[in-house]
Amino acid sequence: MSRNQRTITAMKLAFIRGADLIAAPWKNGGGVTREIAAYPPGAGFDTFIWRVSLADVAQPGPFSSFAGIDRTLVLLSGAGMLLDEAQGHTHALEQPYGIARFAGEAAIGARLIDGATRDFNLMIRRGAATGDIDVWHSGESHAVSADTLLLFCAAGSLNVTLAGVDEPVALATNDTLRIDDVQHTLDCALSGNGTVLAILIHHAARAARA
């Protein structure tokens, strides 16, 4: 059995439909969030190691505080917003797929540029895991390595072809392909007409055992 075959046998694939995401109020009640996935399963705001979600921001105001959490925010739609930290720095999200990274315990106030926005949110518990987001487009191929890889279709529709997997996975807007337990580098190819956010997560405990 080749190394690539061993990788495909070990990894786990899950399809998450955007239409099935459930809206819930923010931790501070100031907006609406739709959880896409979290680890461990069923973890609450105080116990997750990582969480990915969509957020609808309809009005200016403070962000929820998440002590010990590293946050990455990506603008999906709307004219954008300005995130003002109490220390004086401002994160400007003014273009589609603009990215802001900040500590969850930072006091953040959001100002909307021109009406409501929708944002993609990655939260990682500091010291337990690391993670980041890349923007991929149709026609591209990527070789990635991660304990968990999530491919979120941010716009359009496309097919994701994984090396060693017979059938491509079709994603429409707001759908997510989750891939766990990737043991080696995985080749991913995109076709169709769309944009994907690729979320790569590495668990600190697994890295320590390697």
Protein backbone atom coordinates (compact mmCIF):
# COMPACT_ATOMS: atom_id res chain seq x y z
CA MET A 1 0.00 0.00 0.00
CA SER A 2 1.41 3.42 -0.96
CA ARG A 3 1.78 6.31 1.47
CA ASN A 4 -1.03 8.16 -0.31
CA GLN A 5 -3.35 5.15 0.04
CA ARG A 6 -2.60 4.96 3.76
CA THR A 7 -3.46 8.67 4.05
CA ILE A 8 -6.83 8.27 2.31
CA THR A 9 -7.71 5.22 4.42
CA ALA A 10 -7.00 7.05 7.69
CA MET A 11 -8.62 10.42 7.01
CA LYS A 12 -12.29 11.17 7.60
CA LEU A 13 -14.51 13.29 5.35
CA ALA A 14 -17.70 15.07 6.37
CA PHE A 15 -20.01 17.30 4.32
CA ILE A 16 -21.72 20.21 6.11
CA ARG A 17 -24.61 21.85 4.25
CA GLY A 18 -24.91 25.60 4.58
CA ALA A 19 -28.71 25.28 4.58
CA ASP A 20 -28.49 23.22 7.78
CA LEU A 21 -26.62 25.83 9.84
CA ILE A 22 -28.62 27.10 12.81
CA ALA A 23 -28.69 30.77 13.80
CA ALA A 24 -27.97 31.63 17.46
CA PRO A 25 -27.28 34.90 19.31
CA TRP A 26 -23.72 36.03 19.93
CA LYS A 27 -22.21 35.37 23.33
CA ASN A 28 -22.92 39.04 24.21
CA GLY A 29 -26.25 39.14 22.33
CA GLY A 30 -25.05 41.75 19.84
CA GLY A 31 -25.40 39.71 16.66
CA VAL A 32 -26.17 36.33 15.14
CA THR A 33 -23.78 33.41 14.64
CA ARG A 34 -24.11 30.12 12.76
CA GLU A 35 -21.69 27.46 13.96
CA ILE A 36 -20.20 25.38 11.15
CA ALA A 37 -18.02 23.06 13.23
CA ALA A 38 -16.25 22.89 16.57
CA TYR A 39 -13.87 20.59 18.41
CA PRO A 40 -14.40 18.64 20.54
CA PRO A 41 -17.97 17.84 19.41
CA GLY A 42 -20.58 19.54 21.56
CA ALA A 43 -18.07 21.90 23.20
CA GLY A 44 -19.42 25.19 24.53
CA PHE A 45 -17.86 28.65 24.35
CA ASP A 46 -15.68 27.92 27.39
CA THR A 47 -14.46 24.47 26.35
CA PHE A 48 -13.87 24.41 22.58
CA ILE A 49 -10.35 23.96 21.19
CA TRP A 50 -11.41 25.43 17.86
CA ARG A 51 -14.62 26.75 16.35
CA VAL A 52 -15.57 28.02 12.89
CA SER A 53 -18.75 29.97 12.23
CA LEU A 54 -20.56 32.60 10.18
CA ALA A 55 -21.54 35.90 11.80
CA ASP A 56 -24.09 38.47 10.65
CA VAL A 57 -23.30 41.97 11.93
CA ALA A 58 -26.27 44.29 11.53
CA GLN A 59 -25.24 47.15 13.80
CA PRO A 60 -22.09 48.67 15.33
CA GLY A 61 -21.03 47.66 18.82
CA PRO A 62 -18.59 45.66 20.93
CA PHE A 63 -17.40 42.15 20.12
CA SER A 64 -17.75 39.35 22.66
CA SER A 65 -14.69 38.72 24.83
CA PHE A 66 -12.98 35.32 24.52
CA ALA A 67 -10.00 35.11 26.89
CA GLY A 68 -7.22 32.83 25.67
CA ILE A 69 -8.61 32.60 22.14
CA ASP A 70 -6.87 33.68 18.93
CA ARG A 71 -9.38 34.95 16.36
CA THR A 72 -9.28 35.28 12.58
CA LEU A 73 -12.10 37.14 10.83
CA VAL A 74 -12.76 37.20 7.07
CA LEU A 75 -15.20 39.60 5.37
CA LEU A 76 -17.60 37.65 3.12
CA SER A 77 -20.18 40.24 2.09
CA GLY A 78 -21.21 43.82 2.74
CA ALA A 79 -19.28 47.08 2.46
CA GLY A 80 -17.07 46.10 5.39
CA MET A 81 -16.30 47.24 8.90
CA LEU A 82 -13.60 48.77 11.06
CA LEU A 83 -12.54 46.93 14.21
CA ASP A 84 -11.17 49.34 16.80
CA GLU A 85 -9.00 47.94 19.58
CA ALA A 86 -8.96 49.81 22.90
CA GLN A 87 -5.17 50.16 22.58
CA GLY A 88 -5.69 52.29 19.45
CA HIS A 89 -5.11 49.88 16.53
CA THR A 90 -7.84 49.53 13.88
CA HIS A 91 -8.34 46.45 11.70
CA ALA A 92 -9.91 47.56 8.40
CA LEU A 93 -12.05 45.01 6.55
CA GLU A 94 -12.94 46.92 3.39
CA GLN A 95 -12.61 44.35 0.58
CA PRO A 96 -14.14 40.88 0.08
CA TYR A 97 -11.96 38.25 1.81
CA GLY A 98 -10.08 40.85 3.79
CA ILE A 99 -8.64 39.22 6.94
CA ALA A 100 -8.21 40.51 10.50
CA ARG A 101 -6.34 38.61 13.24
CA PHE A 102 -6.58 39.59 16.91
CA ALA A 103 -6.65 38.23 20.46
CA GLY A 104 -10.08 37.23 21.72
CA GLU A 105 -9.58 39.07 25.01
CA ALA A 106 -8.89 42.37 23.23
CA ALA A 107 -11.60 45.00 23.68
CA ILE A 108 -12.94 45.39 20.11
CA GLY A 109 -15.57 47.81 18.89
CA ALA A 110 -17.02 47.31 15.40
CA ARG A 111 -18.01 50.19 13.09
CA LEU A 112 -19.96 49.30 9.96
CA ILE A 113 -18.87 51.15 6.81
CA ASP A 114 -22.21 51.02 5.00
CA GLY A 115 -24.74 48.57 6.38
CA ALA A 116 -24.71 44.97 7.52
CA THR A 117 -21.89 42.49 6.87
CA ARG A 118 -21.43 38.74 6.91
CA ASP A 119 -18.14 37.40 8.23
CA PHE A 120 -16.35 34.07 8.61
CA ASN A 121 -14.91 33.49 12.06
CA LEU A 122 -12.13 31.10 13.17
CA MET A 123 -11.45 30.81 16.91
CA ILE A 124 -8.51 28.78 18.28
CA ARG A 125 -7.72 28.15 21.95
CA ARG A 126 -4.20 29.45 22.46
CA GLY A 127 -1.72 26.72 23.38
CA ALA A 128 -4.10 23.88 22.45
CA ALA A 129 -3.98 24.34 18.67
CA THR A 130 -2.95 26.68 15.89
CA GLY A 131 -4.84 27.59 12.75
CA ASP A 132 -5.04 29.95 9.82
CA ILE A 133 -7.13 30.72 6.74
CA ASP A 134 -6.12 30.86 3.07
CA VAL A 135 -8.28 32.02 0.16
CA TRP A 136 -8.43 29.55 -2.75
CA HIS A 137 -10.04 29.96 -6.18
CA SER A 138 -11.37 27.65 -8.91
CA GLY A 139 -8.64 26.28 -11.14
CA GLU A 140 -6.05 26.14 -8.36
CA SER A 141 -4.36 23.11 -6.82
CA HIS A 142 -2.87 23.03 -3.32
CA ALA A 143 -0.84 20.56 -1.30
CA VAL A 144 -1.68 20.91 2.40
CA SER A 145 -0.88 19.27 5.72
CA ALA A 146 -3.14 19.68 8.77
CA ASP A 147 -4.82 17.67 11.51
CA THR A 148 -8.12 19.14 10.32
CA LEU A 149 -8.76 20.87 6.99
CA LEU A 150 -12.04 22.67 6.37
CA LEU A 151 -12.94 23.92 2.90
CA PHE A 152 -15.74 26.51 3.11
CA CYS A 153 -17.34 27.63 -0.15
CA ALA A 154 -17.55 31.40 0.29
CA ALA A 155 -19.06 32.16 -3.14
CA GLY A 156 -20.24 30.35 -6.25
CA SER A 157 -20.03 26.59 -6.62
CA LEU A 158 -17.17 24.22 -7.32
CA ASN A 159 -15.88 20.68 -7.16
CA VAL A 160 -13.09 19.63 -4.80
CA THR A 161 -10.94 16.72 -5.98
CA LEU A 162 -8.74 15.03 -3.36
CA ALA A 163 -5.84 12.83 -4.41
CA GLY A 164 -6.80 9.20 -3.89
CA VAL A 165 -10.55 9.86 -3.57
CA ASP A 166 -12.57 8.57 -6.52
CA GLU A 167 -15.34 11.19 -6.69
CA PRO A 168 -15.02 14.98 -6.36
CA VAL A 169 -17.10 16.73 -3.72
CA ALA A 170 -19.50 19.42 -4.97
CA LEU A 171 -19.77 22.53 -2.81
CA ALA A 172 -22.30 25.35 -3.13
CA THR A 173 -22.15 28.68 -1.31
CA ASN A 174 -21.91 28.21 2.49
CA ASP A 175 -21.24 24.44 2.20
CA THR A 176 -18.16 23.03 3.96
CA LEU A 177 -16.04 19.94 3.40
CA ARG A 178 -14.34 18.84 6.64
CA ILE A 179 -11.33 16.50 6.48
CA ASP A 180 -9.92 15.06 9.71
CA ASP A 181 -6.90 12.88 10.52
CA VAL A 182 -4.81 13.81 7.49
CA GLN A 183 -1.58 11.88 8.10
CA HIS A 184 0.53 13.30 5.24
CA THR A 185 0.40 16.07 2.66
CA LEU A 186 -2.92 16.06 0.79
CA ASP A 187 -3.34 17.31 -2.79
CA CYS A 188 -6.53 19.31 -3.40
CA ALA A 189 -7.74 20.63 -6.78
CA LEU A 190 -10.64 23.03 -7.37
CA SER A 191 -12.79 23.27 -10.50
CA GLY A 192 -15.96 25.19 -11.28
CA ASN A 193 -16.65 28.83 -10.51
CA GLY A 194 -16.20 29.76 -6.89
CA THR A 195 -14.01 30.79 -3.98
CA VAL A 196 -13.04 28.67 -0.98
CA LEU A 197 -11.71 29.54 2.44
CA ALA A 198 -9.23 26.84 3.44
CA ILE A 199 -8.91 26.50 7.23
CA LEU A 200 -5.86 24.54 8.38
CA ILE A 201 -5.80 23.44 12.02
CA HIS A 202 -2.93 21.75 13.88
CA HIS A 203 -3.45 20.30 17.37
CA ALA A 204 -0.64 20.92 19.86
CA ALA A 205 -1.12 17.53 21.56
CA ARG A 206 -0.68 15.65 18.29
CA ALA A 207 2.41 17.66 17.38
CA ALA A 208 3.94 16.80 20.77
CA ARG A 209 3.38 13.06 20.15
CA ALA A 210 4.87 13.16 16.63
